[in-house]
């Protein structure tokens, strides 16, 4: 029962935080465990497309994530 409640809360948090045009803070590679804001470009089914705010030459402009891969970040932001 508690697991169902937890999953329902997670789904609600995903719907609120993972919307087109919304911004999400994610950890970046580098010293100090820094976070950076990324804009959500699109959400299709289980996929979330996130724009790279400052792409360097050779880096992709957008990255596709699976919603499950973003669960730890969503849980942290939602306080779950």
Protein backbone atom coordinates (compact mmCIF):
# COMPACT_ATOMS: atom_id res chain seq x y z
CA UNK A 1 0.00 0.00 0.00
CA UNK A 2 2.76 2.45 0.94
CA UNK A 3 4.58 1.62 -2.27
CA UNK A 4 1.48 2.51 -4.33
CA UNK A 5 1.13 5.82 -2.50
CA UNK A 6 4.82 6.57 -3.08
CA UNK A 7 4.54 5.76 -6.79
CA UNK A 8 1.44 7.94 -7.13
CA UNK A 9 3.26 10.84 -5.46
CA UNK A 10 6.21 10.31 -7.80
CA UNK A 11 3.93 10.36 -10.87
CA UNK A 12 2.30 13.59 -9.69
CA UNK A 13 5.71 15.19 -9.10
CA UNK A 14 6.85 14.13 -12.58
CA UNK A 15 3.77 15.72 -14.16
CA UNK A 16 4.35 18.98 -12.29
CA UNK A 17 8.11 19.24 -12.87
CA UNK A 18 8.52 17.66 -16.31
CA UNK A 19 6.63 20.04 -18.59
CA UNK A 20 7.72 21.65 -21.83
CA UNK A 21 9.33 25.02 -21.11
CA UNK A 22 9.95 24.21 -17.44
CA UNK A 23 13.46 24.31 -16.00
CA UNK A 24 15.09 21.61 -13.93
CA UNK A 25 18.34 21.81 -11.97
CA UNK A 26 20.62 18.89 -12.68
CA UNK A 27 24.13 18.04 -11.52
CA UNK A 28 26.90 18.77 -14.00
CA UNK A 29 30.27 17.18 -14.45
CA UNK A 30 33.11 19.02 -12.87
CA UNK A 31 34.45 20.00 -9.49
CA UNK A 32 32.19 20.71 -6.55
CA UNK A 33 29.02 18.82 -7.54
CA UNK A 34 27.58 21.94 -9.15
CA UNK A 35 24.05 22.10 -10.54
CA UNK A 36 22.83 23.94 -13.60
CA UNK A 37 19.37 24.83 -14.87
CA UNK A 38 18.28 23.01 -18.02
CA UNK A 39 15.16 23.83 -20.02
CA UNK A 40 12.81 21.01 -20.94
CA UNK A 41 12.24 21.13 -24.69
CA UNK A 42 9.73 18.30 -25.07
CA UNK A 43 8.08 15.41 -23.21
CA UNK A 44 6.88 12.38 -25.18
CA UNK A 45 5.71 9.30 -23.32
CA UNK A 46 8.63 8.16 -21.18
CA UNK A 47 11.16 10.45 -22.88
CA UNK A 48 12.20 13.95 -21.81
CA UNK A 49 14.21 16.15 -24.21
CA UNK A 50 16.43 18.66 -22.41
CA UNK A 51 18.26 21.57 -24.07
CA UNK A 52 21.96 22.09 -23.45
CA UNK A 53 22.14 25.73 -22.22
CA UNK A 54 25.75 26.32 -23.26
CA UNK A 55 26.80 23.73 -25.85
CA UNK A 56 30.47 23.73 -26.70
CA UNK A 57 31.63 22.74 -30.19
CA UNK A 58 30.97 19.04 -30.67
CA UNK A 59 28.42 18.80 -27.86
CA UNK A 60 24.77 18.02 -28.60
CA UNK A 61 22.20 20.82 -28.50
CA UNK A 62 19.65 18.52 -26.84
CA UNK A 63 19.73 15.30 -24.84
CA UNK A 64 16.97 12.70 -24.47
CA UNK A 65 16.44 11.18 -21.02
CA UNK A 66 14.13 8.43 -19.83
CA UNK A 67 11.81 9.68 -17.08
CA UNK A 68 13.03 6.85 -14.81
CA UNK A 69 16.59 8.18 -15.16
CA UNK A 70 15.41 11.51 -13.76
CA UNK A 71 13.62 9.92 -10.76
CA UNK A 72 16.41 10.70 -8.24
CA UNK A 73 16.37 14.38 -9.23
CA UNK A 74 12.55 14.53 -9.11
CA UNK A 75 12.50 12.87 -5.68
CA UNK A 76 15.03 15.37 -4.36
CA UNK A 77 13.14 18.38 -5.76
CA UNK A 78 9.76 17.11 -4.54
CA UNK A 79 11.06 16.07 -1.13
CA UNK A 80 9.98 12.45 -1.52
